[in-house]
PDB file of N, CA and C in Angstrom:
ATOM      1  N   MET A   1      28.572   1.433  13.104  1.00  0.00           N
ATOM      2  CA  MET A   1      27.385   1.894  11.757  1.00  0.00           C
ATOM      3  C   MET A   1      28.218   1.653  10.466  1.00  0.00           C
ATOM      4  N   GLN A   2      27.718   1.039   9.583  1.00  0.00           N
ATOM      5  CA  GLN A   2      27.946   0.637   8.333  1.00  0.00           C
ATOM      6  C   GLN A   2      28.542   1.927   7.458  1.00  0.00           C
ATOM      7  N   ASN A   3      27.773   3.213   7.614  1.00  0.00           N
ATOM      8  CA  ASN A   3      28.063   4.244   6.489  1.00  0.00           C
ATOM      9  C   ASN A   3      28.015   5.421   7.841  1.00  0.00           C
ATOM     10  N   ALA A   4      29.421   5.495   8.378  1.00  0.00           N
ATOM     11  CA  ALA A   4      29.346   6.413   9.449  1.00  0.00           C
ATOM     12  C   ALA A   4      30.532   7.310   9.200  1.00  0.00           C
ATOM     13  N   THR A   5      31.022   7.386   7.959  1.00  0.00           N
ATOM     14  CA  THR A   5      32.268   7.925   7.446  1.00  0.00           C
ATOM     15  C   THR A   5      31.376   9.369   6.756  1.00  0.00           C
ATOM     16  N   GLY A   6      32.258  10.658   6.355  1.00  0.00           N
ATOM     17  CA  GLY A   6      31.559  12.015   5.864  1.00  0.00           C
ATOM     18  C   GLY A   6      31.599  12.028   4.708  1.00  0.00           C
ATOM     19  N   SER A   7      31.850  10.352   3.939  1.00  0.00           N
ATOM     20  CA  SER A   7      32.160  10.581   2.733  1.00  0.00           C
ATOM     21  C   SER A   7      30.450  11.078   1.921  1.00  0.00           C
ATOM     22  N   ARG A   8      30.629  11.608   0.760  1.00  0.00           N
ATOM     23  CA  ARG A   8      29.622  12.066  -0.060  1.00  0.00           C
ATOM     24  C   ARG A   8      28.528  11.047  -0.256  1.00  0.00           C
ATOM     25  N   ARG A   9      28.853   9.577  -0.473  1.00  0.00           N
ATOM     26  CA  ARG A   9      28.176   8.511  -0.373  1.00  0.00           C
ATOM     27  C   ARG A   9      27.089   8.157   0.805  1.00  0.00           C
ATOM     28  N   SER A  10      28.008   8.337   1.859  1.00  0.00           N
ATOM     29  CA  SER A  10      27.446   8.046   3.258  1.00  0.00           C
ATOM     30  C   SER A  10      26.295   9.407   3.441  1.00  0.00           C
ATOM     31  N   LYS A  11      26.776  10.471   2.962  1.00  0.00           N
ATOM     32  CA  LYS A  11      25.648  11.581   3.542  1.00  0.00           C
ATOM     33  C   LYS A  11      24.467  11.212   2.467  1.00  0.00           C
ATOM     34  N   ALA A  12      24.813  11.025   1.084  1.00  0.00           N
ATOM     35  CA  ALA A  12      23.492  10.970   0.200  1.00  0.00           C
ATOM     36  C   ALA A  12      22.628   9.771   0.717  1.00  0.00           C
ATOM     37  N   LYS A  13      23.026   8.545   1.274  1.00  0.00           N
ATOM     38  CA  LYS A  13      22.541   7.611   1.918  1.00  0.00           C
ATOM     39  C   LYS A  13      21.692   7.968   3.135  1.00  0.00           C
ATOM     40  N   ARG A  14      22.202   8.683   3.859  1.00  0.00           N
ATOM     41  CA  ARG A  14      21.715   9.261   5.247  1.00  0.00           C
ATOM     42  C   ARG A  14      20.567   9.776   4.665  1.00  0.00           C
ATOM     43  N   GLY A  15      20.001  10.186   3.836  1.00  0.00           N
ATOM     44  CA  GLY A  15      18.727  11.074   3.668  1.00  0.00           C
ATOM     45  C   GLY A  15      17.622   9.935   3.339  1.00  0.00           C
ATOM     46  N   ILE A  16      17.862   8.740   2.844  1.00  0.00           N
ATOM     47  CA  ILE A  16      16.976   8.113   2.866  1.00  0.00           C
ATOM     48  C   ILE A  16      15.872   7.414   3.831  1.00  0.00           C
ATOM     49  N   THR A  17      16.898   7.323   5.133  1.00  0.00           N
ATOM     50  CA  THR A  17      16.129   6.712   6.175  1.00  0.00           C
ATOM     51  C   THR A  17      16.231   7.744   7.360  1.00  0.00           C
ATOM     52  N   LYS A  18      16.432   9.237   7.021  1.00  0.00           N
ATOM     53  CA  LYS A  18      16.237  10.417   8.004  1.00  0.00           C
ATOM     54  C   LYS A  18      15.098  10.779   8.835  1.00  0.00           C
ATOM     55  N   GLY A  19      15.424  10.263  10.091  1.00  0.00           N
ATOM     56  CA  GLY A  19      14.051  10.611  10.839  1.00  0.00           C
ATOM     57  C   GLY A  19      13.339   9.385  11.305  1.00  0.00           C
ATOM     58  N   TYR A  20      13.577   8.219  10.774  1.00  0.00           N
ATOM     59  CA  TYR A  20      12.649   6.914  10.914  1.00  0.00           C
ATOM     60  C   TYR A  20      13.286   6.028  11.871  1.00  0.00           C
ATOM     61  N   PHE A  21      12.671   5.434  12.906  1.00  0.00           N
ATOM     62  CA  PHE A  21      13.426   4.689  13.576  1.00  0.00           C
ATOM     63  C   PHE A  21      12.293   3.651  14.416  1.00  0.00           C
ATOM     64  N   VAL A  22      12.863   2.628  14.626  1.00  0.00           N
ATOM     65  CA  VAL A  22      11.997   1.412  15.144  1.00  0.00           C
ATOM     66  C   VAL A  22      12.436   1.627  16.627  1.00  0.00           C
ATOM     67  N   GLY A  23      11.017   1.713  17.503  1.00  0.00           N
ATOM     68  CA  GLY A  23      11.365   1.562  19.211  1.00  0.00           C
ATOM     69  C   GLY A  23      10.176   1.582  19.689  1.00  0.00           C
ATOM     70  N   LYS A  24      10.230   1.560  21.587  1.00  0.00           N
ATOM     71  CA  LYS A  24       8.985   1.729  22.000  1.00  0.00           C
ATOM     72  C   LYS A  24       8.750   3.127  22.660  1.00  0.00           C
ATOM     73  N   ILE A  25       7.949   3.767  22.353  1.00  0.00           N
ATOM     74  CA  ILE A  25       7.306   5.013  22.888  1.00  0.00           C
ATOM     75  C   ILE A  25       6.050   4.793  23.923  1.00  0.00           C
ATOM     76  N   GLU A  26       6.348   5.354  25.165  1.00  0.00           N
ATOM     77  CA  GLU A  26       5.051   5.105  25.853  1.00  0.00           C
ATOM     78  C   GLU A  26       4.523   3.709  25.901  1.00  0.00           C
ATOM     79  N   GLY A  27       5.716   2.746  26.034  1.00  0.00           N
ATOM     80  CA  GLY A  27       5.010   1.310  25.856  1.00  0.00           C
ATOM     81  C   GLY A  27       4.481   0.768  24.852  1.00  0.00           C
ATOM     82  N   THR A  28       4.734   1.696  23.602  1.00  0.00           N
ATOM     83  CA  THR A  28       3.966   1.403  22.163  1.00  0.00           C
ATOM     84  C   THR A  28       5.194   1.051  21.229  1.00  0.00           C
ATOM     85  N   TRP A  29       5.235  -0.271  21.032  1.00  0.00           N
ATOM     86  CA  TRP A  29       6.418  -0.299  19.713  1.00  0.00           C
ATOM     87  C   TRP A  29       5.720  -0.230  18.438  1.00  0.00           C
ATOM     88  N   GLY A  30       6.904   0.285  17.670  1.00  0.00           N
ATOM     89  CA  GLY A  30       6.444   0.740  16.126  1.00  0.00           C
ATOM     90  C   GLY A  30       7.589   1.396  15.534  1.00  0.00           C
ATOM     91  N   VAL A  31       7.185   1.789  14.295  1.00  0.00           N
ATOM     92  CA  VAL A  31       8.184   2.713  13.566  1.00  0.00           C
ATOM     93  C   VAL A  31       7.965   4.090  13.662  1.00  0.00           C
ATOM     94  N   TRP A  32       8.484   4.706  14.173  1.00  0.00           N
ATOM     95  CA  TRP A  32       8.314   6.006  14.157  1.00  0.00           C
ATOM     96  C   TRP A  32       9.154   7.076  13.294  1.00  0.00           C
ATOM     97  N   GLN A  33       8.571   8.327  13.051  1.00  0.00           N
ATOM     98  CA  GLN A  33       9.347   9.485  12.502  1.00  0.00           C
ATOM     99  C   GLN A  33       9.334  10.741  13.264  1.00  0.00           C
ATOM    100  N   ARG A  34      10.546  11.129  13.442  1.00  0.00           N
ATOM    101  CA  ARG A  34      10.799  12.106  14.152  1.00  0.00           C
ATOM    102  C   ARG A  34      10.504  13.641  13.172  1.00  0.00           C
ATOM    103  N   VAL A  35       9.602  14.365  13.711  1.00  0.00           N
ATOM    104  CA  VAL A  35       9.121  15.678  13.238  1.00  0.00           C
ATOM    105  C   VAL A  35       9.043  16.680  13.810  1.00  0.00           C
ATOM    106  N   GLY A  36       9.597  17.747  13.078  1.00  0.00           N
ATOM    107  CA  GLY A  36       9.465  19.067  13.942  1.00  0.00           C
ATOM    108  C   GLY A  36      10.717  19.667  13.827  1.00  0.00           C
ATOM    109  N   TYR A  37      11.206  20.615  14.555  1.00  0.00           N
ATOM    110  CA  TYR A  37      12.693  21.276  14.307  1.00  0.00           C
ATOM    111  C   TYR A  37      13.218  21.337  15.756  1.00  0.00           C
ATOM    112  N   LYS A  38      14.302  21.389  16.072  1.00  0.00           N
ATOM    113  CA  LYS A  38      15.384  21.587  17.163  1.00  0.00           C
ATOM    114  C   LYS A  38      14.602  21.584  18.651  1.00  0.00           C
ATOM    115  N   ARG A  39      13.815  22.742  18.465  1.00  0.00           N
ATOM    116  CA  ARG A  39      13.239  22.857  19.965  1.00  0.00           C
ATOM    117  C   ARG A  39      12.011  22.470  19.852  1.00  0.00           C
ATOM    118  N   ARG A  40      11.166  22.211  19.104  1.00  0.00           N
ATOM    119  CA  ARG A  40       9.628  21.472  19.149  1.00  0.00           C
ATOM    120  C   ARG A  40       9.762  20.271  18.530  1.00  0.00           C
ATOM    121  N   ARG A  41      10.663  19.346  18.896  1.00  0.00           N
ATOM    122  CA  ARG A  41      10.818  18.037  18.183  1.00  0.00           C
ATOM    123  C   ARG A  41       9.661  17.147  18.633  1.00  0.00           C
ATOM    124  N   SER A  42       9.015  16.172  17.764  1.00  0.00           N
ATOM    125  CA  SER A  42       8.318  15.128  18.154  1.00  0.00           C
ATOM    126  C   SER A  42       8.338  14.050  17.486  1.00  0.00           C
ATOM    127  N   VAL A  43       7.492  13.044  17.899  1.00  0.00           N
ATOM    128  CA  VAL A  43       7.484  11.691  16.693  1.00  0.00           C
ATOM    129  C   VAL A  43       6.145  11.553  16.210  1.00  0.00           C
ATOM    130  N   ARG A  44       5.910  10.859  15.084  1.00  0.00           N
ATOM    131  CA  ARG A  44       4.818  10.375  14.429  1.00  0.00           C
ATOM    132  C   ARG A  44       4.768   8.844  14.313  1.00  0.00           C
ATOM    133  N   PRO A  45       3.450   8.376  14.900  1.00  0.00           N
ATOM    134  CA  PRO A  45       3.669   7.003  14.308  1.00  0.00           C
ATOM    135  C   PRO A  45       3.264   6.443  13.302  1.00  0.00           C
ATOM    136  N   ILE A  46       4.472   5.813  12.548  1.00  0.00           N
ATOM    137  CA  ILE A  46       3.953   5.282  11.138  1.00  0.00           C
ATOM    138  C   ILE A  46       3.486   3.994  10.942  1.00  0.00           C
ATOM    139  N   LEU A  47       3.875   2.796  11.888  1.00  0.00           N
ATOM    140  CA  LEU A  47       3.413   1.686  11.854  1.00  0.00           C
ATOM    141  C   LEU A  47       3.506   1.229  13.340  1.00  0.00           C
ATOM    142  N   ILE A  48       2.382   0.740  13.743  1.00  0.00           N
ATOM    143  CA  ILE A  48       2.504   0.262  15.237  1.00  0.00           C
ATOM    144  C   ILE A  48       2.345  -1.448  15.110  1.00  0.00           C
ATOM    145  N   PHE A  49       3.177  -1.788  15.948  1.00  0.00           N
ATOM    146  CA  PHE A  49       3.212  -3.082  16.243  1.00  0.00           C
ATOM    147  C   PHE A  49       2.198  -3.568  17.202  1.00  0.00           C
ATOM    148  N   VAL A  50       1.464  -4.607  16.796  1.00  0.00           N
ATOM    149  CA  VAL A  50       0.430  -5.196  17.839  1.00  0.00           C
ATOM    150  C   VAL A  50       0.506  -6.679  18.018  1.00  0.00           C
ATOM    151  N   LYS A  51       0.099  -7.173  19.186  1.00  0.00           N
ATOM    152  CA  LYS A  51       0.257  -8.804  19.701  1.00  0.00           C
ATOM    153  C   LYS A  51      -0.693  -9.686  19.125  1.00  0.00           C
ATOM    154  N   LYS A  52      -1.965  -9.082  19.175  1.00  0.00           N
ATOM    155  CA  LYS A  52      -3.167  -9.979  19.056  1.00  0.00           C
ATOM    156  C   LYS A  52      -3.505  -9.701  17.470  1.00  0.00           C
ATOM    157  N   LYS A  53      -3.830 -10.835  16.767  1.00  0.00           N
ATOM    158  CA  LYS A  53      -4.237 -10.842  15.390  1.00  0.00           C
ATOM    159  C   LYS A  53      -5.685 -10.444  15.236  1.00  0.00           C
ATOM    160  N   PRO A  54      -5.936  -9.740  14.226  1.00  0.00           N
ATOM    161  CA  PRO A  54      -7.209  -9.001  13.828  1.00  0.00           C
ATOM    162  C   PRO A  54      -8.169 -10.262  13.784  1.00  0.00           C
ATOM    163  N   ASN A  55      -9.429  -9.645  14.032  1.00  0.00           N
ATOM    164  CA  ASN A  55     -10.500 -10.411  14.122  1.00  0.00           C
ATOM    165  C   ASN A  55     -11.439  -9.896  13.142  1.00  0.00           C
ATOM    166  N   TYR A  56     -11.405 -10.580  11.835  1.00  0.00           N
ATOM    167  CA  TYR A  56     -12.458 -10.004  11.045  1.00  0.00           C
ATOM    168  C   TYR A  56     -13.692 -10.879  10.460  1.00  0.00           C
ATOM    169  N   ARG A  57     -14.705 -10.310  10.381  1.00  0.00           N
ATOM    170  CA  ARG A  57     -15.859 -11.180   9.966  1.00  0.00           C
ATOM    171  C   ARG A  57     -16.408 -10.750   8.350  1.00  0.00           C
ATOM    172  N   LYS A  58     -17.003 -11.581   7.907  1.00  0.00           N
ATOM    173  CA  LYS A  58     -17.402 -10.850   6.871  1.00  0.00           C
ATOM    174  C   LYS A  58     -18.765 -10.155   6.575  1.00  0.00           C
ATOM    175  N   ARG A  59     -18.665  -9.154   6.026  1.00  0.00           N
ATOM    176  CA  ARG A  59     -19.830  -7.699   6.061  1.00  0.00           C
ATOM    177  C   ARG A  59     -20.625  -7.685   4.969  1.00  0.00           C
ATOM    178  N   PHE A  60     -19.724  -7.913   3.840  1.00  0.00           N
ATOM    179  CA  PHE A  60     -20.317  -7.714   2.598  1.00  0.00           C
ATOM    180  C   PHE A  60     -19.951  -8.749   1.431  1.00  0.00           C
ATOM    181  N   PRO A  61     -20.953  -9.414   0.837  1.00  0.00           N
ATOM    182  CA  PRO A  61     -21.024 -10.385  -0.059  1.00  0.00           C
ATOM    183  C   PRO A  61     -20.484 -10.576  -1.258  1.00  0.00           C
ATOM    184  N   PHE A  62     -19.151  -9.720  -1.311  1.00  0.00           N
ATOM    185  CA  PHE A  62     -18.513  -9.236  -2.496  1.00  0.00           C
ATOM    186  C   PHE A  62     -18.538 -10.217  -3.873  1.00  0.00           C
ATOM    187  N   PHE A  63     -18.032 -11.383  -3.330  1.00  0.00           N
ATOM    188  CA  PHE A  63     -17.617 -12.551  -4.544  1.00  0.00           C
ATOM    189  C   PHE A  63     -19.124 -12.862  -5.012  1.00  0.00           C
ATOM    190  N   LYS A  64     -20.083 -12.940  -3.828  1.00  0.00           N
ATOM    191  CA  LYS A  64     -21.462 -13.599  -4.525  1.00  0.00           C
ATOM    192  C   LYS A  64     -22.138 -12.721  -5.600  1.00  0.00           C
ATOM    193  N   ILE A  65     -21.958 -11.313  -4.948  1.00  0.00           N
ATOM    194  CA  ILE A  65     -22.724 -10.273  -6.283  1.00  0.00           C
ATOM    195  C   ILE A  65     -22.020  -9.909  -7.291  1.00  0.00           C
ATOM    196  N   ALA A  66     -20.533 -10.203  -7.389  1.00  0.00           N
ATOM    197  CA  ALA A  66     -19.736 -10.030  -8.658  1.00  0.00           C
ATOM    198  C   ALA A  66     -19.878 -11.243  -9.419  1.00  0.00           C
ATOM    199  N   GLU A  67     -20.338 -12.530  -8.904  1.00  0.00           N
ATOM    200  CA  GLU A  67     -20.416 -13.520  -9.579  1.00  0.00           C
ATOM    201  C   GLU A  67     -21.780 -13.390 -10.353  1.00  0.00           C
ATOM    202  N   GLY A  68     -22.809 -12.842  -9.863  1.00  0.00           N
ATOM    203  CA  GLY A  68     -23.943 -12.846 -10.170  1.00  0.00           C
ATOM    204  C   GLY A  68     -24.149 -11.861 -11.332  1.00  0.00           C
ATOM    205  N   ILE A  69     -23.402 -10.800 -11.051  1.00  0.00           N
ATOM    206  CA  ILE A  69     -23.421  -9.868 -12.148  1.00  0.00           C
ATOM    207  C   ILE A  69     -22.309 -10.177 -13.503  1.00  0.00           C
ATOM    208  N   ALA A  70     -21.487 -10.964 -13.300  1.00  0.00           N
ATOM    209  CA  ALA A  70     -20.611 -11.606 -14.192  1.00  0.00           C
ATOM    210  C   ALA A  70     -21.750 -12.687 -15.133  1.00  0.00           C
ATOM    211  N   GLN A  71     -22.294 -13.427 -14.476  1.00  0.00           N
ATOM    212  CA  GLN A  71     -23.295 -14.404 -14.848  1.00  0.00           C
ATOM    213  C   GLN A  71     -24.213 -13.718 -15.979  1.00  0.00           C
ATOM    214  N   ARG A  72     -24.791 -12.821 -15.429  1.00  0.00           N
ATOM    215  CA  ARG A  72     -26.089 -11.875 -16.247  1.00  0.00           C
ATOM    216  C   ARG A  72     -25.681 -11.270 -17.181  1.00  0.00           C
ATOM    217  N   HIS A  73     -24.461 -10.744 -17.039  1.00  0.00           N
ATOM    218  CA  HIS A  73     -23.642  -9.570 -18.290  1.00  0.00           C
ATOM    219  C   HIS A  73     -22.568 -10.031 -19.202  1.00  0.00           C
ATOM    220  N   LEU A  74     -21.765 -11.075 -18.961  1.00  0.00           N
ATOM    221  CA  LEU A  74     -20.860 -11.662 -19.637  1.00  0.00           C
ATOM    222  C   LEU A  74     -20.958 -12.154 -21.041  1.00  0.00           C
ATOM    223  N   LEU A  75     -21.966 -12.962 -21.182  1.00  0.00           N
ATOM    224  CA  LEU A  75     -22.122 -13.506 -22.601  1.00  0.00           C
ATOM    225  C   LEU A  75     -22.817 -12.014 -23.555  1.00  0.00           C
ATOM    226  N   PRO A  76     -23.814 -11.661 -22.806  1.00  0.00           N
ATOM    227  CA  PRO A  76     -24.340 -10.576 -23.879  1.00  0.00           C
ATOM    228  C   PRO A  76     -23.004  -9.472 -24.177  1.00  0.00           C
ATOM    229  N   GLU A  77     -22.218  -8.993 -23.499  1.00  0.00           N
ATOM    230  CA  GLU A  77     -21.331  -8.149 -23.363  1.00  0.00           C
ATOM    231  C   GLU A  77     -20.046  -8.812 -24.302  1.00  0.00           C
ATOM    232  N   LEU A  78     -19.904  -9.802 -24.384  1.00  0.00           N
ATOM    233  CA  LEU A  78     -18.984 -10.567 -25.164  1.00  0.00           C
ATOM    234  C   LEU A  78     -19.254 -10.815 -26.369  1.00  0.00           C
ATOM    235  N   GLY A  79     -20.715 -10.936 -26.554  1.00  0.00           N
ATOM    236  CA  GLY A  79     -21.382 -10.883 -27.975  1.00  0.00           C
ATOM    237  C   GLY A  79     -21.279  -9.761 -28.715  1.00  0.00           C
ATOM    238  N   LYS A  80     -21.488  -8.801 -27.878  1.00  0.00           N
ATOM    239  CA  LYS A  80     -21.264  -7.228 -28.426  1.00  0.00           C
ATOM    240  C   LYS A  80     -20.224  -6.998 -28.974  1.00  0.00           C
ATOM    241  N   ALA A  81     -19.082  -7.234 -28.045  1.00  0.00           N
ATOM    242  CA  ALA A  81     -17.617  -7.005 -28.283  1.00  0.00           C
ATOM    243  C   ALA A  81     -17.395  -7.641 -29.629  1.00  0.00           C
ATOM    244  N   MET A  82     -17.745  -9.085 -29.753  1.00  0.00           N
ATOM    245  CA  MET A  82     -17.326  -9.747 -30.937  1.00  0.00           C
ATOM    246  C   MET A  82     -18.001  -9.302 -32.129  1.00  0.00           C
ATOM    247  N   ASP A  83     -19.114  -8.653 -32.261  1.00  0.00           N
ATOM    248  CA  ASP A  83     -19.529  -8.236 -33.200  1.00  0.00           C
ATOM    249  C   ASP A  83     -19.177  -6.952 -33.709  1.00  0.00           C
ATOM    250  N   ARG A  84     -18.706  -6.202 -32.764  1.00  0.00           N
ATOM    251  CA  ARG A  84     -17.878  -4.821 -33.188  1.00  0.00           C
ATOM    252  C   ARG A  84     -16.546  -5.030 -33.683  1.00  0.00           C
ATOM    253  N   ALA A  85     -16.022  -6.140 -33.100  1.00  0.00           N
ATOM    254  CA  ALA A  85     -14.645  -6.494 -33.251  1.00  0.00           C
ATOM    255  C   ALA A  85     -14.626  -7.047 -35.162  1.00  0.00           C
ATOM    256  N   LEU A  86     -15.514  -7.569 -35.678  1.00  0.00           N
ATOM    257  CA  LEU A  86     -15.753  -8.282 -36.588  1.00  0.00           C
ATOM    258  C   LEU A  86     -16.298  -7.233 -37.792  1.00  0.00           C
ATOM    259  N   ALA A  87     -17.017  -6.541 -36.993  1.00  0.00           N
ATOM    260  CA  ALA A  87     -17.318  -5.307 -37.972  1.00  0.00           C
ATOM    261  C   ALA A  87     -16.213  -4.543 -38.487  1.00  0.00           C
ATOM    262  N   ASN A  88     -15.296  -4.122 -37.432  1.00  0.00           N
ATOM    263  CA  ASN A  88     -14.067  -3.268 -37.765  1.00  0.00           C
ATOM    264  C   ASN A  88     -12.779  -4.577 -38.234  1.00  0.00           C
ATOM    265  N   ALA A  89     -13.181  -5.663 -38.221  1.00  0.00           N
ATOM    266  CA  ALA A  89     -11.909  -6.209 -38.799  1.00  0.00           C
ATOM    267  C   ALA A  89     -11.382  -5.759 -40.303  1.00  0.00           C
ATOM    268  N   ARG A  90     -10.095  -5.996 -40.674  1.00  0.00           N
ATOM    269  CA  ARG A  90      -9.791  -5.873 -41.962  1.00  0.00           C
ATOM    270  C   ARG A  90      -9.953  -7.034 -42.718  1.00  0.00           C
ATOM    271  N   GLN A  91     -10.148  -6.949 -43.697  1.00  0.00           N
ATOM    272  CA  GLN A  91     -10.423  -8.053 -44.727  1.00  0.00           C
ATOM    273  C   GLN A  91      -8.807  -8.296 -45.460  1.00  0.00           C
ATOM    274  N   ARG A  92      -8.525  -9.525 -45.328  1.00  0.00           N
ATOM    275  CA  ARG A  92      -7.143  -9.581 -45.899  1.00  0.00           C
ATOM    276  C   ARG A  92      -7.114 -10.283 -47.429  1.00  0.00           C
TER     277      ARG A  92
END
């Protein structure tokens, strides 16, 4: 172990990863956290490793809707903002 001494620095670094480990529990690989106290100790999954890649499909046409809104509103809103900026601009 790298920081296995009883120094103050080693004890301080120990708190950063306290209770987390990578391992296989009941056939499932992942990052786990030890929770509970001495007698009621258990583990909680933090990150589970899977073998298959996810299979996603497009459900919501986000970019199509956003592009339509931008095309409808961009020029009028930009014109309003420029009018306000010019009205509030200081004269030099």
